[in-house]
Amino acid sequence: MLGVSHFGGLHRMTSASWQNAHMWRMRADETRAIADEMKEPEPKTIMLRIADNYDRLAEWAEKNSISWWDKKHRASNAR
């Protein structure tokens, strides 16, 4: 997956991954799946709130789809 590296089974963010809407949607889905397995209401609510925030990040990434690298590259070429 673009922008995400795996280390010891963990997903590690890279400088470009925070703008990847698909990655945020996948994280939201994974978080909801974990929440569905939880029995305790408070941690389950927290996990669902995290999933909602991942969805909000995905929406932001979709609205701002020009990547950081592209913006930097375009700015340096405009000089």
PDB file of N, CA and C in Angstrom:
ATOM      1  N   MET A   1       0.845  -1.170   0.000  1.00  0.00           N
ATOM      2  CA  MET A   1       0.000   0.000   0.000  1.00  0.00           C
ATOM      3  C   MET A   1       0.894   1.237   0.000  1.00  0.00           C
ATOM      4  N   LEU A   2       0.547   2.213  -0.766  1.00  0.00           N
ATOM      5  CA  LEU A   2       1.306   3.444  -0.886  1.00  0.00           C
ATOM      6  C   LEU A   2       1.395   4.178   0.438  1.00  0.00           C
ATOM      7  N   GLY A   3       2.605   4.566   0.810  1.00  0.00           N
ATOM      8  CA  GLY A   3       2.787   5.412   1.964  1.00  0.00           C
ATOM      9  C   GLY A   3       2.774   4.720   3.312  1.00  0.00           C
ATOM     10  N   VAL A   4       2.630   3.422   3.323  1.00  0.00           N
ATOM     11  CA  VAL A   4       2.611   2.709   4.597  1.00  0.00           C
ATOM     12  C   VAL A   4       3.666   1.622   4.545  1.00  0.00           C
ATOM     13  N   SER A   5       4.500   1.575   5.561  1.00  0.00           N
ATOM     14  CA  SER A   5       5.472   0.493   5.626  1.00  0.00           C
ATOM     15  C   SER A   5       5.136  -0.383   6.823  1.00  0.00           C
ATOM     16  N   HIS A   6       5.528  -1.615   6.732  1.00  0.00           N
ATOM     17  CA  HIS A   6       5.214  -2.577   7.791  1.00  0.00           C
ATOM     18  C   HIS A   6       6.496  -2.908   8.538  1.00  0.00           C
ATOM     19  N   PHE A   7       6.415  -2.852   9.851  1.00  0.00           N
ATOM     20  CA  PHE A   7       7.556  -3.179  10.692  1.00  0.00           C
ATOM     21  C   PHE A   7       7.043  -3.967  11.873  1.00  0.00           C
ATOM     22  N   GLY A   8       7.405  -5.217  11.931  1.00  0.00           N
ATOM     23  CA  GLY A   8       6.987  -6.048  13.051  1.00  0.00           C
ATOM     24  C   GLY A   8       5.482  -6.188  13.168  1.00  0.00           C
ATOM     25  N   GLY A   9       4.771  -6.198  12.033  1.00  0.00           N
ATOM     26  CA  GLY A   9       3.327  -6.346  12.054  1.00  0.00           C
ATOM     27  C   GLY A   9       2.573  -5.052  12.301  1.00  0.00           C
ATOM     28  N   LEU A  10       3.293  -3.949  12.504  1.00  0.00           N
ATOM     29  CA  LEU A  10       2.654  -2.657  12.740  1.00  0.00           C
ATOM     30  C   LEU A  10       2.699  -1.817  11.463  1.00  0.00           C
ATOM     31  N   HIS A  11       1.681  -0.990  11.285  1.00  0.00           N
ATOM     32  CA  HIS A  11       1.668  -0.052  10.176  1.00  0.00           C
ATOM     33  C   HIS A  11       2.350   1.225  10.640  1.00  0.00           C
ATOM     34  N   ARG A  12       3.325   1.684   9.877  1.00  0.00           N
ATOM     35  CA  ARG A  12       4.050   2.893  10.246  1.00  0.00           C
ATOM     36  C   ARG A  12       3.764   3.955   9.195  1.00  0.00           C
ATOM     37  N   MET A  13       3.407   5.145   9.658  1.00  0.00           N
ATOM     38  CA  MET A  13       3.099   6.241   8.750  1.00  0.00           C
ATOM     39  C   MET A  13       4.383   6.742   8.101  1.00  0.00           C
ATOM     40  N   THR A  14       4.274   7.151   6.851  1.00  0.00           N
ATOM     41  CA  THR A  14       5.367   7.832   6.170  1.00  0.00           C
ATOM     42  C   THR A  14       4.879   9.233   5.825  1.00  0.00           C
ATOM     43  N   SER A  15       5.768  10.059   5.301  1.00  0.00           N
ATOM     44  CA  SER A  15       5.411  11.455   5.048  1.00  0.00           C
ATOM     45  C   SER A  15       4.268  11.599   4.056  1.00  0.00           C
ATOM     46  N   ALA A  16       4.071  10.657   3.165  1.00  0.00           N
ATOM     47  CA  ALA A  16       3.005  10.770   2.168  1.00  0.00           C
ATOM     48  C   ALA A  16       1.722  10.055   2.572  1.00  0.00           C
ATOM     49  N   SER A  17       1.776   9.128   3.521  1.00  0.00           N
ATOM     50  CA  SER A  17       0.616   8.284   3.796  1.00  0.00           C
ATOM     51  C   SER A  17      -0.544   9.024   4.432  1.00  0.00           C
ATOM     52  N   TRP A  18      -0.300  10.105   5.142  1.00  0.00           N
ATOM     53  CA  TRP A  18      -1.395  10.797   5.814  1.00  0.00           C
ATOM     54  C   TRP A  18      -2.338  11.460   4.817  1.00  0.00           C
ATOM     55  N   GLN A  19      -1.962  11.562   3.550  1.00  0.00           N
ATOM     56  CA  GLN A  19      -2.832  12.136   2.528  1.00  0.00           C
ATOM     57  C   GLN A  19      -3.516  11.073   1.678  1.00  0.00           C
ATOM     58  N   ASN A  20      -3.394   9.821   2.044  1.00  0.00           N
ATOM     59  CA  ASN A  20      -3.933   8.712   1.265  1.00  0.00           C
ATOM     60  C   ASN A  20      -5.329   8.335   1.785  1.00  0.00           C
ATOM     61  N   ALA A  21      -6.370   8.769   1.070  1.00  0.00           N
ATOM     62  CA  ALA A  21      -7.755   8.531   1.502  1.00  0.00           C
ATOM     63  C   ALA A  21      -8.063   7.040   1.623  1.00  0.00           C
ATOM     64  N   HIS A  22      -7.577   6.250   0.683  1.00  0.00           N
ATOM     65  CA  HIS A  22      -7.831   4.805   0.720  1.00  0.00           C
ATOM     66  C   HIS A  22      -7.281   4.187   2.006  1.00  0.00           C
ATOM     67  N   MET A  23      -6.085   4.609   2.404  1.00  0.00           N
ATOM     68  CA  MET A  23      -5.481   4.077   3.626  1.00  0.00           C
ATOM     69  C   MET A  23      -6.339   4.414   4.840  1.00  0.00           C
ATOM     70  N   TRP A  24      -6.844   5.662   4.914  1.00  0.00           N
ATOM     71  CA  TRP A  24      -7.684   6.057   6.046  1.00  0.00           C
ATOM     72  C   TRP A  24      -8.980   5.260   6.070  1.00  0.00           C
ATOM     73  N   ARG A  25      -9.575   5.005   4.906  1.00  0.00           N
ATOM     74  CA  ARG A  25     -10.807   4.201   4.857  1.00  0.00           C
ATOM     75  C   ARG A  25     -10.542   2.768   5.333  1.00  0.00           C
ATOM     76  N   MET A  26      -9.393   2.211   4.934  1.00  0.00           N
ATOM     77  CA  MET A  26      -9.046   0.864   5.392  1.00  0.00           C
ATOM     78  C   MET A  26      -8.858   0.830   6.907  1.00  0.00           C
ATOM     79  N   ARG A  27      -8.204   1.845   7.448  1.00  0.00           N
ATOM     80  CA  ARG A  27      -8.022   1.907   8.900  1.00  0.00           C
ATOM     81  C   ARG A  27      -9.362   2.028   9.609  1.00  0.00           C
ATOM     82  N   ALA A  28     -10.269   2.824   9.051  1.00  0.00           N
ATOM     83  CA  ALA A  28     -11.606   2.964   9.648  1.00  0.00           C
ATOM     84  C   ALA A  28     -12.313   1.611   9.662  1.00  0.00           C
ATOM     85  N   ASP A  29     -12.254   0.897   8.548  1.00  0.00           N
ATOM     86  CA  ASP A  29     -12.893  -0.428   8.474  1.00  0.00           C
ATOM     87  C   ASP A  29     -12.283  -1.407   9.476  1.00  0.00           C
ATOM     88  N   GLU A  30     -10.947  -1.403   9.568  1.00  0.00           N
ATOM     89  CA  GLU A  30     -10.271  -2.301  10.508  1.00  0.00           C
ATOM     90  C   GLU A  30     -10.646  -1.965  11.953  1.00  0.00           C
ATOM     91  N   THR A  31     -10.715  -0.674  12.250  1.00  0.00           N
ATOM     92  CA  THR A  31     -11.048  -0.241  13.605  1.00  0.00           C
ATOM     93  C   THR A  31     -12.475  -0.625  13.956  1.00  0.00           C
ATOM     94  N   ARG A  32     -13.397  -0.483  13.000  1.00  0.00           N
ATOM     95  CA  ARG A  32     -14.786  -0.891  13.249  1.00  0.00           C
ATOM     96  C   ARG A  32     -14.893  -2.403  13.456  1.00  0.00           C
ATOM     97  N   ALA A  33     -14.108  -3.160  12.708  1.00  0.00           N
ATOM     98  CA  ALA A  33     -14.125  -4.623  12.876  1.00  0.00           C
ATOM     99  C   ALA A  33     -13.647  -5.005  14.277  1.00  0.00           C
ATOM    100  N   ILE A  34     -12.621  -4.328  14.772  1.00  0.00           N
ATOM    101  CA  ILE A  34     -12.136  -4.589  16.130  1.00  0.00           C
ATOM    102  C   ILE A  34     -13.205  -4.202  17.143  1.00  0.00           C
ATOM    103  N   ALA A  35     -13.842  -3.034  16.930  1.00  0.00           N
ATOM    104  CA  ALA A  35     -14.890  -2.570  17.851  1.00  0.00           C
ATOM    105  C   ALA A  35     -16.056  -3.550  17.901  1.00  0.00           C
ATOM    106  N   ASP A  36     -16.401  -4.143  16.764  1.00  0.00           N
ATOM    107  CA  ASP A  36     -17.505  -5.106  16.725  1.00  0.00           C
ATOM    108  C   ASP A  36     -17.254  -6.314  17.618  1.00  0.00           C
ATOM    109  N   GLU A  37     -15.995  -6.636  17.840  1.00  0.00           N
ATOM    110  CA  GLU A  37     -15.631  -7.785  18.673  1.00  0.00           C
ATOM    111  C   GLU A  37     -15.608  -7.446  20.160  1.00  0.00           C
ATOM    112  N   MET A  38     -15.607  -6.164  20.489  1.00  0.00           N
ATOM    113  CA  MET A  38     -15.481  -5.742  21.882  1.00  0.00           C
ATOM    114  C   MET A  38     -16.793  -5.895  22.637  1.00  0.00           C
ATOM    115  N   LYS A  39     -16.688  -6.302  23.886  1.00  0.00           N
ATOM    116  CA  LYS A  39     -17.863  -6.480  24.745  1.00  0.00           C
ATOM    117  C   LYS A  39     -18.109  -5.260  25.635  1.00  0.00           C
ATOM    118  N   GLU A  40     -17.037  -4.622  26.078  1.00  0.00           N
ATOM    119  CA  GLU A  40     -17.150  -3.481  26.984  1.00  0.00           C
ATOM    120  C   GLU A  40     -17.602  -2.233  26.208  1.00  0.00           C
ATOM    121  N   PRO A  41     -18.648  -1.559  26.670  1.00  0.00           N
ATOM    122  CA  PRO A  41     -19.196  -0.432  25.915  1.00  0.00           C
ATOM    123  C   PRO A  41     -18.260   0.779  25.796  1.00  0.00           C
ATOM    124  N   GLU A  42     -17.530   1.115  26.843  1.00  0.00           N
ATOM    125  CA  GLU A  42     -16.696   2.319  26.772  1.00  0.00           C
ATOM    126  C   GLU A  42     -15.556   2.190  25.757  1.00  0.00           C
ATOM    127  N   PRO A  43     -14.746   1.111  25.807  1.00  0.00           N
ATOM    128  CA  PRO A  43     -13.698   0.992  24.787  1.00  0.00           C
ATOM    129  C   PRO A  43     -14.275   0.850  23.376  1.00  0.00           C
ATOM    130  N   LYS A  44     -15.417   0.181  23.257  1.00  0.00           N
ATOM    131  CA  LYS A  44     -16.055   0.029  21.952  1.00  0.00           C
ATOM    132  C   LYS A  44     -16.443   1.404  21.394  1.00  0.00           C
ATOM    133  N   THR A  45     -17.002   2.262  22.237  1.00  0.00           N
ATOM    134  CA  THR A  45     -17.380   3.613  21.819  1.00  0.00           C
ATOM    135  C   THR A  45     -16.154   4.411  21.386  1.00  0.00           C
ATOM    136  N   ILE A  46     -15.072   4.261  22.147  1.00  0.00           N
ATOM    137  CA  ILE A  46     -13.827   4.957  21.803  1.00  0.00           C
ATOM    138  C   ILE A  46     -13.325   4.503  20.432  1.00  0.00           C
ATOM    139  N   MET A  47     -13.333   3.195  20.195  1.00  0.00           N
ATOM    140  CA  MET A  47     -12.863   2.670  18.909  1.00  0.00           C
ATOM    141  C   MET A  47     -13.743   3.157  17.753  1.00  0.00           C
ATOM    142  N   LEU A  48     -15.035   3.206  17.967  1.00  0.00           N
ATOM    143  CA  LEU A  48     -15.931   3.692  16.912  1.00  0.00           C
ATOM    144  C   LEU A  48     -15.696   5.178  16.629  1.00  0.00           C
ATOM    145  N   ARG A  49     -15.391   5.932  17.669  1.00  0.00           N
ATOM    146  CA  ARG A  49     -15.066   7.346  17.481  1.00  0.00           C
ATOM    147  C   ARG A  49     -13.766   7.488  16.678  1.00  0.00           C
ATOM    148  N   ILE A  50     -12.790   6.644  16.969  1.00  0.00           N
ATOM    149  CA  ILE A  50     -11.535   6.647  16.203  1.00  0.00           C
ATOM    150  C   ILE A  50     -11.817   6.329  14.742  1.00  0.00           C
ATOM    151  N   ALA A  51     -12.656   5.330  14.488  1.00  0.00           N
ATOM    152  CA  ALA A  51     -13.015   4.972  13.107  1.00  0.00           C
ATOM    153  C   ALA A  51     -13.672   6.152  12.396  1.00  0.00           C
ATOM    154  N   ASP A  52     -14.563   6.858  13.096  1.00  0.00           N
ATOM    155  CA  ASP A  52     -15.193   8.040  12.505  1.00  0.00           C
ATOM    156  C   ASP A  52     -14.158   9.105  12.162  1.00  0.00           C
ATOM    157  N   ASN A  53     -13.177   9.265  13.038  1.00  0.00           N
ATOM    158  CA  ASN A  53     -12.115  10.239  12.756  1.00  0.00           C
ATOM    159  C   ASN A  53     -11.260   9.815  11.569  1.00  0.00           C
ATOM    160  N   TYR A  54     -11.017   8.514  11.409  1.00  0.00           N
ATOM    161  CA  TYR A  54     -10.317   8.036  10.218  1.00  0.00           C
ATOM    162  C   TYR A  54     -11.113   8.383   8.957  1.00  0.00           C
ATOM    163  N   ASP A  55     -12.425   8.235   9.019  1.00  0.00           N
ATOM    164  CA  ASP A  55     -13.265   8.619   7.879  1.00  0.00           C
ATOM    165  C   ASP A  55     -13.146  10.118   7.582  1.00  0.00           C
ATOM    166  N   ARG A  56     -13.096  10.921   8.633  1.00  0.00           N
ATOM    167  CA  ARG A  56     -12.925  12.362   8.434  1.00  0.00           C
ATOM    168  C   ARG A  56     -11.590  12.677   7.784  1.00  0.00           C
ATOM    169  N   LEU A  57     -10.524  11.964   8.178  1.00  0.00           N
ATOM    170  CA  LEU A  57      -9.220  12.139   7.537  1.00  0.00           C
ATOM    171  C   LEU A  57      -9.273  11.732   6.072  1.00  0.00           C
ATOM    172  N   ALA A  58     -10.002  10.663   5.767  1.00  0.00           N
ATOM    173  CA  ALA A  58     -10.152  10.229   4.370  1.00  0.00           C
ATOM    174  C   ALA A  58     -10.863  11.300   3.552  1.00  0.00           C
ATOM    175  N   GLU A  59     -11.906  11.886   4.120  1.00  0.00           N
ATOM    176  CA  GLU A  59     -12.615  12.959   3.416  1.00  0.00           C
ATOM    177  C   GLU A  59     -11.700  14.147   3.166  1.00  0.00           C
ATOM    178  N   TRP A  60     -10.899  14.502   4.162  1.00  0.00           N
ATOM    179  CA  TRP A  60      -9.952  15.591   3.989  1.00  0.00           C
ATOM    180  C   TRP A  60      -8.953  15.267   2.880  1.00  0.00           C
ATOM    181  N   ALA A  61      -8.433  14.038   2.894  1.00  0.00           N
ATOM    182  CA  ALA A  61      -7.451  13.635   1.886  1.00  0.00           C
ATOM    183  C   ALA A  61      -8.059  13.683   0.486  1.00  0.00           C
ATOM    184  N   GLU A  62      -9.320  13.302   0.354  1.00  0.00           N
ATOM    185  CA  GLU A  62      -9.982  13.351  -0.952  1.00  0.00           C
ATOM    186  C   GLU A  62     -10.132  14.788  -1.443  1.00  0.00           C
ATOM    187  N   LYS A  63     -10.438  15.703  -0.537  1.00  0.00           N
ATOM    188  CA  LYS A  63     -10.607  17.108  -0.917  1.00  0.00           C
ATOM    189  C   LYS A  63      -9.280  17.772  -1.252  1.00  0.00           C
ATOM    190  N   ASN A  64      -8.212  17.273  -0.679  1.00  0.00           N
ATOM    191  CA  ASN A  64      -6.871  17.845  -0.854  1.00  0.00           C
ATOM    192  C   ASN A  64      -5.972  16.820  -1.529  1.00  0.00           C
ATOM    193  N   SER A  65      -6.398  16.333  -2.682  1.00  0.00           N
ATOM    194  CA  SER A  65      -5.769  15.167  -3.287  1.00  0.00           C
ATOM    195  C   SER A  65      -4.406  15.420  -3.914  1.00  0.00           C
ATOM    196  N   ILE A  66      -3.996  16.671  -4.071  1.00  0.00           N
ATOM    197  CA  ILE A  66      -2.648  16.917  -4.585  1.00  0.00           C
ATOM    198  C   ILE A  66      -1.676  16.605  -3.454  1.00  0.00           C
ATOM    199  N   SER A  67      -0.800  15.681  -3.707  1.00  0.00           N
ATOM    200  CA  SER A  67       0.106  15.229  -2.653  1.00  0.00           C
ATOM    201  C   SER A  67       1.121  16.306  -2.285  1.00  0.00           C
ATOM    202  N   TRP A  68       1.667  16.179  -1.094  1.00  0.00           N
ATOM    203  CA  TRP A  68       2.698  17.089  -0.618  1.00  0.00           C
ATOM    204  C   TRP A  68       3.848  17.141  -1.604  1.00  0.00           C
ATOM    205  N   TRP A  69       4.269  16.006  -2.112  1.00  0.00           N
ATOM    206  CA  TRP A  69       5.390  15.955  -3.039  1.00  0.00           C
ATOM    207  C   TRP A  69       5.055  16.731  -4.315  1.00  0.00           C
ATOM    208  N   ASP A  70       3.849  16.562  -4.841  1.00  0.00           N
ATOM    209  CA  ASP A  70       3.450  17.284  -6.049  1.00  0.00           C
ATOM    210  C   ASP A  70       3.446  18.791  -5.823  1.00  0.00           C
ATOM    211  N   LYS A  71       2.932  19.238  -4.674  1.00  0.00           N
ATOM    212  CA  LYS A  71       2.929  20.664  -4.361  1.00  0.00           C
ATOM    213  C   LYS A  71       4.354  21.204  -4.291  1.00  0.00           C
ATOM    214  N   LYS A  72       5.236  20.466  -3.627  1.00  0.00           N
ATOM    215  CA  LYS A  72       6.633  20.892  -3.499  1.00  0.00           C
ATOM    216  C   LYS A  72       7.295  20.922  -4.865  1.00  0.00           C
ATOM    217  N   HIS A  73       7.063  19.910  -5.663  1.00  0.00           N
ATOM    218  CA  HIS A  73       7.659  19.808  -6.985  1.00  0.00           C
ATOM    219  C   HIS A  73       7.178  20.942  -7.897  1.00  0.00           C
ATOM    220  N   ARG A  74       5.866  21.215  -7.863  1.00  0.00           N
ATOM    221  CA  ARG A  74       5.313  22.294  -8.669  1.00  0.00           C
ATOM    222  C   ARG A  74       5.876  23.656  -8.246  1.00  0.00           C
ATOM    223  N   ALA A  75       6.020  23.860  -6.947  1.00  0.00           N
ATOM    224  CA  ALA A  75       6.544  25.134  -6.449  1.00  0.00           C
ATOM    225  C   ALA A  75       7.994  25.335  -6.870  1.00  0.00           C
ATOM    226  N   SER A  76       8.790  24.279  -6.839  1.00  0.00           N
ATOM    227  CA  SER A  76      10.207  24.414  -7.220  1.00  0.00           C
ATOM    228  C   SER A  76      10.357  24.621  -8.723  1.00  0.00           C
ATOM    229  N   ASN A  77       9.428  24.074  -9.517  1.00  0.00           N
ATOM    230  CA  ASN A  77       9.491  24.270 -10.975  1.00  0.00           C
ATOM    231  C   ASN A  77       8.991  25.639 -11.389  1.00  0.00           C
ATOM    232  N   ALA A  78       8.222  26.299 -10.536  1.00  0.00           N
ATOM    233  CA  ALA A  78       7.674  27.611 -10.872  1.00  0.00           C
ATOM    234  C   ALA A  78       8.713  28.715 -10.724  1.00  0.00           C
ATOM    235  N   ARG A  79       9.824  28.410 -10.086  1.00  0.00           N
ATOM    236  CA  ARG A  79      10.865  29.428  -9.868  1.00  0.00           C
ATOM    237  C   ARG A  79      11.663  29.724 -11.094  1.00  0.00           C
TER     238      ARG A  79
END
